[in-house]
Protein backbone atom coordinates (compact mmCIF):
# COMPACT_ATOMS: atom_id res chain seq x y z
CA MET A 1 -16.65 -33.84 -6.57
CA LEU A 2 -18.23 -30.56 -5.64
CA LEU A 3 -19.12 -31.68 -2.21
CA ARG A 4 -15.51 -32.87 -1.60
CA ASP A 5 -14.36 -29.41 -2.62
CA LYS A 6 -16.36 -28.25 0.52
CA ASN A 7 -14.81 -30.88 2.65
CA VAL A 8 -17.95 -32.91 2.63
CA PHE A 9 -17.29 -36.55 2.09
CA SER A 10 -20.70 -38.04 2.75
CA ILE A 11 -24.07 -36.62 1.67
CA GLN A 12 -25.28 -37.50 5.26
CA GLU A 13 -23.40 -34.51 6.45
CA VAL A 14 -25.46 -32.11 4.28
CA ASP A 15 -28.56 -30.27 5.51
CA TYR A 16 -29.02 -28.19 2.36
CA ALA A 17 -27.10 -27.71 -0.84
CA ILE A 18 -27.60 -25.27 -3.78
CA LEU A 19 -26.12 -25.55 -7.29
CA GLU A 20 -25.63 -21.86 -8.05
CA PRO A 21 -26.14 -20.31 -11.44
CA ASN A 22 -22.23 -19.91 -11.77
CA GLY A 23 -21.80 -23.64 -11.40
CA LYS A 24 -20.50 -23.57 -7.85
CA LEU A 25 -22.02 -25.56 -4.96
CA SER A 26 -23.22 -23.87 -1.68
CA VAL A 27 -23.45 -26.26 1.26
CA LEU A 28 -25.08 -25.97 4.68
CA LYS A 29 -23.85 -28.76 6.80
CA LYS A 30 -26.02 -30.32 9.43
CA GLN A 31 -25.34 -28.60 12.71
CA GLU A 32 -23.88 -31.62 14.28
CA GLU A 33 -21.41 -31.90 11.37
CA GLU A 34 -20.29 -28.15 11.53
CA ASN A 35 -16.78 -27.36 12.93
CA PRO A 36 -16.81 -25.63 16.25
CA THR A 37 -15.31 -22.08 16.46
CA LYS A 38 -13.16 -20.69 19.14
CA LYS A 39 -16.20 -18.66 20.23
CA ASP A 40 -18.19 -21.98 20.54
CA MET A 41 -15.37 -23.36 22.61
CA GLN A 42 -15.14 -20.22 24.62
CA ILE A 43 -11.40 -20.12 23.82
CA PRO A 44 -9.98 -16.60 24.31
CA VAL A 45 -8.61 -15.08 21.21
CA GLN A 46 -5.68 -12.61 20.95
CA GLU A 47 -6.33 -9.55 18.68
CA ARG A 48 -4.19 -9.41 15.57
CA LEU A 49 -1.77 -6.60 15.76
CA TYR A 50 -0.59 -6.98 12.09
CA LEU A 51 -1.43 -8.74 8.96
CA PRO A 52 1.54 -11.26 8.32
CA SER A 53 3.99 -9.62 6.06
CA GLU A 54 7.30 -10.40 4.47
CA LEU A 55 10.06 -8.07 5.76
CA ILE A 56 13.07 -9.85 4.27
CA VAL A 57 13.02 -12.00 1.07
CA ASP A 58 16.14 -13.54 -0.41
CA GLY A 59 18.20 -11.59 2.08
CA LYS A 60 16.83 -8.26 0.99
CA ILE A 61 14.66 -5.93 3.16
CA VAL A 62 11.29 -5.23 1.74
CA LYS A 63 11.20 -1.54 2.37
CA ARG A 64 7.61 -0.93 1.21
CA ASN A 65 6.25 -3.34 3.81
CA LEU A 66 8.38 -1.82 6.72
CA LYS A 67 7.01 1.57 5.66
CA GLU A 68 3.30 0.26 5.40
CA LEU A 69 3.65 -1.21 8.80
CA HIS A 70 5.19 1.93 10.29
CA LEU A 71 8.42 0.06 11.14
CA ASN A 72 11.99 0.90 10.31
CA ARG A 73 15.33 -0.84 9.61
CA GLU A 74 16.64 -0.07 13.09
CA TRP A 75 13.64 -1.80 14.65
CA LEU A 76 14.20 -4.82 12.24
CA GLU A 77 17.86 -4.94 13.00
CA GLU A 78 17.14 -4.87 16.76
CA ARG A 79 14.69 -7.89 16.44
CA ILE A 80 17.15 -9.82 14.29
CA LYS A 81 19.87 -9.41 17.15
CA SER A 82 17.33 -10.64 19.67
CA TYR A 83 17.25 -13.86 17.66
CA GLY A 84 20.99 -14.23 17.92
CA MET A 85 21.93 -13.02 14.50
CA GLN A 86 24.25 -10.02 13.89
CA SER A 87 22.83 -8.49 10.75
CA VAL A 88 20.21 -8.57 8.02
CA GLN A 89 22.81 -10.25 5.75
CA GLU A 90 22.44 -13.41 7.82
CA VAL A 91 18.61 -13.66 7.24
CA PHE A 92 17.26 -15.33 4.14
CA PHE A 93 13.57 -14.77 4.89
CA ALA A 94 11.72 -12.82 7.65
CA GLU A 95 7.98 -12.48 8.09
CA LEU A 96 6.17 -10.37 10.67
CA GLN A 97 3.48 -12.50 12.34
CA SER A 98 0.14 -11.32 13.41
CA ASP A 99 1.07 -11.10 17.10
CA GLY A 100 4.20 -8.85 16.20
CA SER A 101 6.76 -11.65 16.53
CA LEU A 102 9.11 -12.59 13.69
CA PHE A 103 9.57 -15.74 11.81
CA LEU A 104 13.18 -15.96 10.69
CA ASP A 105 14.83 -18.26 8.21
CA LYS A 106 18.67 -18.03 8.42
CA LYS A 107 20.81 -18.23 5.38
CA GLN A 108 22.40 -21.60 4.83
């Protein structure tokens, strides 16, 4: 069970495992079983501009998040209009994505 918690389904995938004093299992997979990273695959990555954050929840603006992100209501309203909606009242949920785009869920 502890191996499966580490996404290991066969003992053959394990190079080394340690049962820690706290009861958790640390697993070092065999190199050929490890997942490749974007760096390994030489895939370019885009730097994160933001930590994904909720801007509208249940139709209400989360002012604290706007302030922490150094954004304002006018910016948010402009972005909402660019998605074809007329006002904040039409939005059920909005989340700022790490690349600066918005995910919007319109009220039903």
